[in-house]
Amino acid sequence: MVKRCVLVVGGCTIAVLVVVLVVFLVVVLCKKNNFKDTFIQDCERKTAEGHSTYCVKVWSAFEQAYVDHDPCQVPPQAYDHLLSIAPPLPKYNWTLFWSGTREVAHQVSGGCYQTLEDTMLGSVLDGKTWCGKQGSNETFDSGCPGWTQCVNNPVRSFWSRASAEFAVVACGDAAVLLNGSRDTPFDPHSTFGSHRSQKFTPGLMKGARLSVVLVTKDNVGANCTDESLKNLQKELKPGIKYICKEKTESELLTCKKNQDQSCVPCW
């Protein structure tokens, strides 16, 4: 009787372990494929191609940049091939850049202005974390280096390279929302400062304007005479007109709310 009980208990224990193992493997495999599946699905929703073949091609180019690489040794140029087959498509006269004003920039862009995060790759990867590891062909979405942990991490390098490309293809008038509450509204070491401002191409923006909008809270902060903005002007290539305006967050958001469906600039 005792022997039978021991066998039953032992059998139950083994069965439980098998179930746990199966569940673990299912979870791991699902998580492994989840990033790729989400990437392709989001790509299909954003691309005019409307089928998975193109997005599978984009995914392949994307993972080639970082898979089987040290996650701190993925330079911006690793995404050159990806951006050659899935470049950001410009929206004439409605390009919007931002630095330190992410939330308000996306609130006022609203279907009119186009930010980098509104492009296909930008929307697919916005808020995502990814990396690879040497000796592995997998994509990981956890255990990856943070933004400041190392300069050449996969996420930071992507946004740096994509930002530069977004500036290169900009055509017509463009605007940039800078944080006027900061000591240095135009920071040459920020993503915009180091990868966008010097990339504007006069050939594409010939005779066009770059409207710099200093966004502050309750008119407290920098103004258009700030020294850092003079440095921004110096970095712009000949042929691009520079305009600076000062706006509070509340003014921009109220303007956008009252616009309804129109696309009149709020500055």
C-alpha atoms as a PDB file:
ATOM      1  CA  MET A   1       0.000   0.000   0.000  1.00  0.00           C
ATOM      2  CA  VAL A   2       2.791   2.385   0.993  1.00  0.00           C
ATOM      3  CA  LYS A   3       4.722   1.456  -2.108  1.00  0.00           C
ATOM      4  CA  ARG A   4       1.726   2.173  -4.285  1.00  0.00           C
ATOM      5  CA  CYS A   5       1.276   5.615  -2.644  1.00  0.00           C
ATOM      6  CA  VAL A   6       4.919   6.396  -3.222  1.00  0.00           C
ATOM      7  CA  LEU A   7       4.574   5.477  -6.883  1.00  0.00           C
ATOM      8  CA  VAL A   8       1.407   7.551  -7.245  1.00  0.00           C
ATOM      9  CA  VAL A   9       2.993  10.589  -5.583  1.00  0.00           C
ATOM     10  CA  GLY A  10       6.133  10.164  -7.654  1.00  0.00           C
ATOM     11  CA  GLY A  11       4.083   9.872 -10.820  1.00  0.00           C
ATOM     12  CA  CYS A  12       2.112  13.007  -9.951  1.00  0.00           C
ATOM     13  CA  THR A  13       5.315  14.926  -9.268  1.00  0.00           C
ATOM     14  CA  ILE A  14       6.753  13.943 -12.632  1.00  0.00           C
ATOM     15  CA  ALA A  15       3.501  14.895 -14.346  1.00  0.00           C
ATOM     16  CA  VAL A  16       3.520  18.321 -12.700  1.00  0.00           C
ATOM     17  CA  LEU A  17       7.135  18.892 -13.699  1.00  0.00           C
ATOM     18  CA  VAL A  18       6.330  17.943 -17.296  1.00  0.00           C
ATOM     19  CA  VAL A  19       3.409  20.377 -17.361  1.00  0.00           C
ATOM     20  CA  VAL A  20       5.557  23.146 -15.891  1.00  0.00           C
ATOM     21  CA  LEU A  21       8.284  22.453 -18.450  1.00  0.00           C
ATOM     22  CA  VAL A  22       5.807  22.510 -21.340  1.00  0.00           C
ATOM     23  CA  VAL A  23       4.289  25.791 -20.137  1.00  0.00           C
ATOM     24  CA  PHE A  24       7.769  27.292 -19.727  1.00  0.00           C
ATOM     25  CA  LEU A  25       8.773  26.289 -23.252  1.00  0.00           C
ATOM     26  CA  VAL A  26       5.553  27.678 -24.711  1.00  0.00           C
ATOM     27  CA  VAL A  27       6.065  30.995 -22.923  1.00  0.00           C
ATOM     28  CA  VAL A  28       9.706  31.225 -24.012  1.00  0.00           C
ATOM     29  CA  LEU A  29       8.943  30.367 -27.628  1.00  0.00           C
ATOM     30  CA  CYS A  30       6.012  32.776 -27.780  1.00  0.00           C
ATOM     31  CA  LYS A  31       8.107  35.556 -26.283  1.00  0.00           C
ATOM     32  CA  LYS A  32      10.919  34.766 -28.686  1.00  0.00           C
ATOM     33  CA  ASN A  33       8.657  35.257 -31.706  1.00  0.00           C
ATOM     34  CA  ASN A  34       6.510  38.016 -30.246  1.00  0.00           C
ATOM     35  CA  PHE A  35       8.875  40.897 -31.099  1.00  0.00           C
ATOM     36  CA  LYS A  36       9.239  39.753 -34.700  1.00  0.00           C
ATOM     37  CA  ASP A  37       5.518  39.104 -35.133  1.00  0.00           C
ATOM     38  CA  THR A  38       4.606  42.489 -33.660  1.00  0.00           C
ATOM     39  CA  PHE A  39       7.182  44.231 -35.860  1.00  0.00           C
ATOM     40  CA  ILE A  40       5.814  42.662 -39.048  1.00  0.00           C
ATOM     41  CA  GLN A  41       2.170  43.224 -38.086  1.00  0.00           C
ATOM     42  CA  ASP A  42       2.788  46.884 -37.242  1.00  0.00           C
ATOM     43  CA  CYS A  43       4.756  47.281 -40.466  1.00  0.00           C
ATOM     44  CA  GLU A  44       1.862  45.874 -42.499  1.00  0.00           C
ATOM     45  CA  ARG A  45      -0.526  48.349 -40.886  1.00  0.00           C
ATOM     46  CA  LYS A  46       1.713  51.302 -41.732  1.00  0.00           C
ATOM     47  CA  THR A  47       3.046  50.447 -45.163  1.00  0.00           C
ATOM     48  CA  ALA A  48       1.330  51.137 -48.447  1.00  0.00           C
ATOM     49  CA  GLU A  49       2.585  47.795 -49.702  1.00  0.00           C
ATOM     50  CA  GLY A  50      -0.218  46.079 -47.817  1.00  0.00           C
ATOM     51  CA  HIS A  51       1.351  42.610 -47.742  1.00  0.00           C
ATOM     52  CA  SER A  52       3.780  40.717 -45.549  1.00  0.00           C
ATOM     53  CA  THR A  53       6.496  40.058 -48.153  1.00  0.00           C
ATOM     54  CA  TYR A  54       7.801  43.616 -47.968  1.00  0.00           C
ATOM     55  CA  CYS A  55       7.637  43.711 -44.180  1.00  0.00           C
ATOM     56  CA  VAL A  56       9.465  40.385 -43.869  1.00  0.00           C
ATOM     57  CA  LYS A  57      12.196  41.915 -46.031  1.00  0.00           C
ATOM     58  CA  VAL A  58      12.281  44.968 -43.753  1.00  0.00           C
ATOM     59  CA  TRP A  59      12.494  42.732 -40.673  1.00  0.00           C
ATOM     60  CA  SER A  60      15.411  40.810 -42.185  1.00  0.00           C
ATOM     61  CA  ALA A  61      17.314  44.048 -42.829  1.00  0.00           C
ATOM     62  CA  PHE A  62      16.476  45.273 -39.326  1.00  0.00           C
ATOM     63  CA  GLU A  63      17.776  42.229 -37.462  1.00  0.00           C
ATOM     64  CA  GLN A  64      20.932  42.075 -39.569  1.00  0.00           C
ATOM     65  CA  ALA A  65      22.009  45.293 -37.864  1.00  0.00           C
ATOM     66  CA  TYR A  66      22.329  43.833 -34.356  1.00  0.00           C
ATOM     67  CA  VAL A  67      21.822  40.033 -34.305  1.00  0.00           C
ATOM     68  CA  ASP A  68      24.956  38.097 -33.275  1.00  0.00           C
ATOM     69  CA  HIS A  69      26.592  41.383 -32.216  1.00  0.00           C
ATOM     70  CA  ASP A  70      27.823  42.705 -28.909  1.00  0.00           C
ATOM     71  CA  PRO A  71      24.870  44.943 -27.836  1.00  0.00           C
ATOM     72  CA  CYS A  72      27.313  47.773 -27.125  1.00  0.00           C
ATOM     73  CA  GLN A  73      29.003  47.514 -30.523  1.00  0.00           C
ATOM     74  CA  VAL A  74      26.184  48.380 -32.938  1.00  0.00           C
ATOM     75  CA  PRO A  75      27.050  51.718 -34.612  1.00  0.00           C
ATOM     76  CA  PRO A  76      24.453  53.912 -36.349  1.00  0.00           C
ATOM     77  CA  GLN A  77      25.712  52.896 -39.786  1.00  0.00           C
ATOM     78  CA  ALA A  78      24.665  49.322 -39.037  1.00  0.00           C
ATOM     79  CA  TYR A  79      21.157  50.474 -40.003  1.00  0.00           C
ATOM     80  CA  ASP A  80      22.179  51.865 -43.402  1.00  0.00           C
ATOM     81  CA  HIS A  81      20.773  48.881 -45.301  1.00  0.00           C
ATOM     82  CA  LEU A  82      17.508  48.992 -43.357  1.00  0.00           C
ATOM     83  CA  LEU A  83      16.981  52.671 -44.145  1.00  0.00           C
ATOM     84  CA  SER A  84      17.846  52.109 -47.793  1.00  0.00           C
ATOM     85  CA  ILE A  85      14.869  49.775 -48.228  1.00  0.00           C
ATOM     86  CA  ALA A  86      12.552  51.474 -45.740  1.00  0.00           C
ATOM     87  CA  PRO A  87      13.456  55.180 -45.771  1.00  0.00           C
ATOM     88  CA  PRO A  88      11.306  57.769 -43.990  1.00  0.00           C
ATOM     89  CA  LEU A  89       8.996  59.288 -46.580  1.00  0.00           C
ATOM     90  CA  PRO A  90       8.828  63.081 -46.269  1.00  0.00           C
ATOM     91  CA  LYS A  91       5.624  65.082 -45.988  1.00  0.00           C
ATOM     92  CA  TYR A  92       6.162  68.287 -47.940  1.00  0.00           C
ATOM     93  CA  ASN A  93       6.062  71.396 -45.734  1.00  0.00           C
ATOM     94  CA  TRP A  94       4.927  69.409 -42.695  1.00  0.00           C
ATOM     95  CA  THR A  95       8.077  67.958 -41.125  1.00  0.00           C
ATOM     96  CA  LEU A  96       8.306  68.383 -37.370  1.00  0.00           C
ATOM     97  CA  PHE A  97      11.410  67.804 -35.269  1.00  0.00           C
ATOM     98  CA  TRP A  98      11.562  67.996 -31.489  1.00  0.00           C
ATOM     99  CA  SER A  99      14.079  68.002 -28.669  1.00  0.00           C
ATOM    100  CA  GLY A 100      12.993  67.719 -25.054  1.00  0.00           C
ATOM    101  CA  THR A 101       9.371  68.292 -26.108  1.00  0.00           C
ATOM    102  CA  ARG A 102       8.247  64.792 -27.088  1.00  0.00           C
ATOM    103  CA  GLU A 103       4.791  64.886 -25.510  1.00  0.00           C
ATOM    104  CA  VAL A 104       3.692  68.298 -26.766  1.00  0.00           C
ATOM    105  CA  ALA A 105       5.225  67.672 -30.204  1.00  0.00           C
ATOM    106  CA  HIS A 106       3.109  64.584 -30.721  1.00  0.00           C
ATOM    107  CA  GLN A 107       0.033  66.298 -29.366  1.00  0.00           C
ATOM    108  CA  VAL A 108       0.241  69.210 -31.799  1.00  0.00           C
ATOM    109  CA  SER A 109       1.406  67.170 -34.827  1.00  0.00           C
ATOM    110  CA  GLY A 110      -1.963  65.365 -34.886  1.00  0.00           C
ATOM    111  CA  GLY A 111      -2.306  64.175 -38.481  1.00  0.00           C
ATOM    112  CA  CYS A 112      -0.816  67.352 -39.950  1.00  0.00           C
ATOM    113  CA  TYR A 113       2.859  67.571 -39.124  1.00  0.00           C
ATOM    114  CA  GLN A 114       4.987  64.457 -39.453  1.00  0.00           C
ATOM    115  CA  THR A 115       7.465  63.498 -36.736  1.00  0.00           C
ATOM    116  CA  LEU A 116      10.001  60.705 -37.065  1.00  0.00           C
ATOM    117  CA  GLU A 117       7.719  58.556 -34.898  1.00  0.00           C
ATOM    118  CA  ASP A 118       4.970  58.972 -37.514  1.00  0.00           C
ATOM    119  CA  THR A 119       7.048  57.303 -40.234  1.00  0.00           C
ATOM    120  CA  MET A 120       6.737  53.571 -40.779  1.00  0.00           C
ATOM    121  CA  LEU A 121       9.889  52.476 -38.955  1.00  0.00           C
ATOM    122  CA  GLY A 122       9.475  55.187 -36.338  1.00  0.00           C
ATOM    123  CA  SER A 123       5.976  54.052 -35.417  1.00  0.00           C
ATOM    124  CA  VAL A 124       6.931  50.367 -35.448  1.00  0.00           C
ATOM    125  CA  LEU A 125       9.888  50.849 -33.104  1.00  0.00           C
ATOM    126  CA  ASP A 126       8.664  53.728 -30.940  1.00  0.00           C
ATOM    127  CA  GLY A 127       8.928  52.744 -27.274  1.00  0.00           C
ATOM    128  CA  LYS A 128      10.538  49.387 -28.098  1.00  0.00           C
ATOM    129  CA  THR A 129      13.737  47.869 -26.694  1.00  0.00           C
ATOM    130  CA  TRP A 130      15.787  45.301 -28.573  1.00  0.00           C
ATOM    131  CA  CYS A 131      19.272  43.866 -28.866  1.00  0.00           C
ATOM    132  CA  GLY A 132      21.200  40.792 -29.903  1.00  0.00           C
ATOM    133  CA  LYS A 133      24.017  38.825 -28.350  1.00  0.00           C
ATOM    134  CA  GLN A 134      27.187  37.393 -29.788  1.00  0.00           C
ATOM    135  CA  GLY A 135      26.737  33.759 -30.754  1.00  0.00           C
ATOM    136  CA  SER A 136      22.948  34.029 -30.924  1.00  0.00           C
ATOM    137  CA  ASN A 137      20.554  34.602 -33.841  1.00  0.00           C
ATOM    138  CA  GLU A 138      17.762  35.765 -31.540  1.00  0.00           C
ATOM    139  CA  THR A 139      16.275  39.188 -30.820  1.00  0.00           C
ATOM    140  CA  PHE A 140      15.998  40.055 -27.132  1.00  0.00           C
ATOM    141  CA  ASP A 141      13.654  42.680 -25.686  1.00  0.00           C
ATOM    142  CA  SER A 142      14.995  42.537 -22.139  1.00  0.00           C
ATOM    143  CA  GLY A 143      18.458  42.528 -20.611  1.00  0.00           C
ATOM    144  CA  CYS A 144      19.560  45.073 -23.219  1.00  0.00           C
ATOM    145  CA  PRO A 145      21.815  48.061 -22.436  1.00  0.00           C
ATOM    146  CA  GLY A 146      20.052  51.286 -21.510  1.00  0.00           C
ATOM    147  CA  TRP A 147      20.218  54.489 -23.560  1.00  0.00           C
ATOM    148  CA  THR A 148      23.210  55.887 -21.648  1.00  0.00           C
ATOM    149  CA  GLN A 149      24.882  52.594 -20.725  1.00  0.00           C
ATOM    150  CA  CYS A 150      26.894  52.575 -23.936  1.00  0.00           C
ATOM    151  CA  VAL A 151      26.793  54.877 -26.951  1.00  0.00           C
ATOM    152  CA  ASN A 152      26.565  52.221 -29.665  1.00  0.00           C
ATOM    153  CA  ASN A 153      23.653  50.219 -28.314  1.00  0.00           C
ATOM    154  CA  PRO A 154      21.065  49.009 -30.873  1.00  0.00           C
ATOM    155  CA  VAL A 155      18.227  51.318 -29.836  1.00  0.00           C
ATOM    156  CA  ARG A 156      20.237  54.518 -29.525  1.00  0.00           C
ATOM    157  CA  SER A 157      22.090  53.835 -32.772  1.00  0.00           C
ATOM    158  CA  PHE A 158      18.840  53.240 -34.648  1.00  0.00           C
ATOM    159  CA  TRP A 159      17.279  56.513 -33.526  1.00  0.00           C
ATOM    160  CA  SER A 160      20.498  58.394 -34.222  1.00  0.00           C
ATOM    161  CA  ARG A 161      20.737  57.023 -37.759  1.00  0.00           C
ATOM    162  CA  ALA A 162      17.009  57.330 -38.469  1.00  0.00           C
ATOM    163  CA  SER A 163      17.009  60.915 -37.166  1.00  0.00           C
ATOM    164  CA  ALA A 164      19.819  61.888 -39.513  1.00  0.00           C
ATOM    165  CA  GLU A 165      18.014  60.280 -42.447  1.00  0.00           C
ATOM    166  CA  PHE A 166      14.756  62.019 -41.518  1.00  0.00           C
ATOM    167  CA  ALA A 167      16.541  65.379 -41.698  1.00  0.00           C
ATOM    168  CA  VAL A 168      18.184  64.517 -45.018  1.00  0.00           C
ATOM    169  CA  VAL A 169      14.872  63.758 -46.753  1.00  0.00           C
ATOM    170  CA  ALA A 170      12.982  66.726 -45.247  1.00  0.00           C
ATOM    171  CA  CYS A 171      11.514  68.917 -47.967  1.00  0.00           C
ATOM    172  CA  GLY A 172       9.728  72.232 -47.899  1.00  0.00           C
ATOM    173  CA  ASP A 173       9.187  74.114 -44.646  1.00  0.00           C
ATOM    174  CA  ALA A 174       9.981  72.379 -41.372  1.00  0.00           C
ATOM    175  CA  ALA A 175       9.641  73.182 -37.689  1.00  0.00           C
ATOM    176  CA  VAL A 176      11.406  72.117 -34.517  1.00  0.00           C
ATOM    177  CA  LEU A 177       9.985  72.347 -31.003  1.00  0.00           C
ATOM    178  CA  LEU A 178      12.737  73.000 -28.465  1.00  0.00           C
ATOM    179  CA  ASN A 179      12.410  72.952 -24.698  1.00  0.00           C
ATOM    180  CA  GLY A 180      12.660  76.577 -23.625  1.00  0.00           C
ATOM    181  CA  SER A 181      12.662  75.581 -19.970  1.00  0.00           C
ATOM    182  CA  ARG A 182      16.144  74.114 -20.312  1.00  0.00           C
ATOM    183  CA  ASP A 183      19.305  76.099 -19.748  1.00  0.00           C
ATOM    184  CA  THR A 184      20.395  75.184 -23.272  1.00  0.00           C
ATOM    185  CA  PRO A 185      17.352  74.845 -25.581  1.00  0.00           C
ATOM    186  CA  PHE A 186      19.538  73.798 -28.491  1.00  0.00           C
ATOM    187  CA  ASP A 187      21.886  71.132 -27.200  1.00  0.00           C
ATOM    188  CA  PRO A 188      24.487  70.092 -29.821  1.00  0.00           C
ATOM    189  CA  HIS A 189      24.810  66.748 -28.039  1.00  0.00           C
ATOM    190  CA  SER A 190      21.089  65.913 -28.223  1.00  0.00           C
ATOM    191  CA  THR A 191      19.685  63.665 -30.950  1.00  0.00           C
ATOM    192  CA  PHE A 192      18.410  66.702 -32.855  1.00  0.00           C
ATOM    193  CA  GLY A 193      21.585  68.690 -32.321  1.00  0.00           C
ATOM    194  CA  SER A 194      24.064  65.990 -33.222  1.00  0.00           C
ATOM    195  CA  HIS A 195      22.188  64.108 -35.933  1.00  0.00           C
ATOM    196  CA  ARG A 196      19.608  66.401 -37.506  1.00  0.00           C
ATOM    197  CA  SER A 197      20.436  70.097 -37.553  1.00  0.00           C
ATOM    198  CA  GLN A 198      23.502  69.667 -39.768  1.00  0.00           C
ATOM    199  CA  LYS A 199      21.742  67.239 -42.110  1.00  0.00           C
ATOM    200  CA  PHE A 200      19.160  69.587 -43.599  1.00  0.00           C
ATOM    201  CA  THR A 201      19.814  69.588 -47.339  1.00  0.00           C
ATOM    202  CA  PRO A 202      19.442  72.979 -49.045  1.00  0.00           C
ATOM    203  CA  GLY A 203      18.666  71.201 -52.332  1.00  0.00           C
ATOM    204  CA  LEU A 204      15.550  69.666 -50.774  1.00  0.00           C
ATOM    205  CA  MET A 205      14.697  72.674 -48.614  1.00  0.00           C
ATOM    206  CA  LYS A 206      15.712  75.389 -51.079  1.00  0.00           C
ATOM    207  CA  GLY A 207      14.133  78.662 -50.013  1.00  0.00           C
ATOM    208  CA  ALA A 208      12.289  76.859 -47.228  1.00  0.00           C
ATOM    209  CA  ARG A 209      11.968  77.908 -43.615  1.00  0.00           C
ATOM    210  CA  LEU A 210      12.991  76.230 -40.411  1.00  0.00           C
ATOM    211  CA  SER A 211      10.676  77.509 -37.704  1.00  0.00           C
ATOM    212  CA  VAL A 212      12.235  77.117 -34.269  1.00  0.00           C
ATOM    213  CA  VAL A 213       9.543  77.128 -31.597  1.00  0.00           C
ATOM    214  CA  LEU A 214      10.709  77.646 -28.024  1.00  0.00           C
ATOM    215  CA  VAL A 215       8.185  75.860 -25.824  1.00  0.00           C
ATOM    216  CA  THR A 216       7.960  77.033 -22.227  1.00  0.00           C
ATOM    217  CA  LYS A 217       5.637  76.740 -19.261  1.00  0.00           C
ATOM    218  CA  ASP A 218       3.909  80.058 -18.441  1.00  0.00           C
ATOM    219  CA  ASN A 219       6.461  82.158 -20.362  1.00  0.00           C
ATOM    220  CA  VAL A 220       9.213  81.169 -17.928  1.00  0.00           C
ATOM    221  CA  GLY A 221      12.450  80.151 -19.609  1.00  0.00           C
ATOM    222  CA  ALA A 222      14.647  81.018 -22.580  1.00  0.00           C
ATOM    223  CA  ASN A 223      13.718  83.340 -25.419  1.00  0.00           C
ATOM    224  CA  CYS A 224      14.736  83.646 -29.058  1.00  0.00           C
ATOM    225  CA  THR A 225      17.871  85.612 -28.164  1.00  0.00           C
ATOM    226  CA  ASP A 226      19.335  82.587 -26.362  1.00  0.00           C
ATOM    227  CA  GLU A 227      22.991  81.991 -27.223  1.00  0.00           C
ATOM    228  CA  SER A 228      22.425  78.334 -28.079  1.00  0.00           C
ATOM    229  CA  LEU A 229      19.985  79.340 -30.830  1.00  0.00           C
ATOM    230  CA  LYS A 230      22.664  81.494 -32.398  1.00  0.00           C
ATOM    231  CA  ASN A 231      24.756  78.340 -32.601  1.00  0.00           C
ATOM    232  CA  LEU A 232      21.862  76.554 -34.283  1.00  0.00           C
ATOM    233  CA  GLN A 233      21.664  79.306 -36.899  1.00  0.00           C
ATOM    234  CA  LYS A 234      25.369  78.932 -37.610  1.00  0.00           C
ATOM    235  CA  GLU A 235      24.993  75.188 -38.179  1.00  0.00           C
ATOM    236  CA  LEU A 236      22.266  75.563 -40.792  1.00  0.00           C
ATOM    237  CA  LYS A 237      23.489  75.391 -44.356  1.00  0.00           C
ATOM    238  CA  PRO A 238      22.996  78.380 -46.702  1.00  0.00           C
ATOM    239  CA  GLY A 239      19.598  78.523 -48.348  1.00  0.00           C
ATOM    240  CA  ILE A 240      17.525  77.700 -45.286  1.00  0.00           C
ATOM    241  CA  LYS A 241      15.605  80.566 -43.692  1.00  0.00           C
ATOM    242  CA  TYR A 242      15.549  80.704 -39.911  1.00  0.00           C
ATOM    243  CA  ILE A 243      12.558  81.875 -37.889  1.00  0.00           C
ATOM    244  CA  CYS A 244      12.184  81.724 -34.103  1.00  0.00           C
ATOM    245  CA  LYS A 245       8.993  82.008 -32.069  1.00  0.00           C
ATOM    246  CA  GLU A 246       8.165  81.644 -28.380  1.00  0.00           C
ATOM    247  CA  LYS A 247       5.088  79.702 -27.283  1.00  0.00           C
ATOM    248  CA  THR A 248       3.833  78.220 -24.033  1.00  0.00           C
ATOM    249  CA  GLU A 249       2.626  74.635 -23.879  1.00  0.00           C
ATOM    250  CA  SER A 250      -0.893  75.792 -23.068  1.00  0.00           C
ATOM    251  CA  GLU A 251      -0.960  78.117 -26.099  1.00  0.00           C
ATOM    252  CA  LEU A 252       0.044  75.295 -28.439  1.00  0.00           C
ATOM    253  CA  LEU A 253      -2.393  72.774 -26.992  1.00  0.00           C
ATOM    254  CA  THR A 254      -5.288  75.259 -26.929  1.00  0.00           C
ATOM    255  CA  CYS A 255      -4.581  76.223 -30.531  1.00  0.00           C
ATOM    256  CA  LYS A 256      -4.511  72.590 -31.637  1.00  0.00           C
ATOM    257  CA  LYS A 257      -7.746  71.852 -29.788  1.00  0.00           C
ATOM    258  CA  ASN A 258      -9.533  74.794 -31.428  1.00  0.00           C
ATOM    259  CA  GLN A 259      -8.319  73.896 -34.893  1.00  0.00           C
ATOM    260  CA  ASP A 260     -10.604  70.877 -35.153  1.00  0.00           C
ATOM    261  CA  GLN A 261      -9.500  69.234 -38.421  1.00  0.00           C
ATOM    262  CA  SER A 262      -7.569  72.129 -39.968  1.00  0.00           C
ATOM    263  CA  CYS A 263      -3.809  72.135 -40.356  1.00  0.00           C
ATOM    264  CA  VAL A 264      -2.878  75.750 -39.683  1.00  0.00           C
ATOM    265  CA  PRO A 265       0.443  75.982 -37.786  1.00  0.00           C
ATOM    266  CA  CYS A 266       0.070  77.021 -34.146  1.00  0.00           C
ATOM    267  CA  TRP A 267       3.163  79.240 -34.263  1.00  0.00           C
END
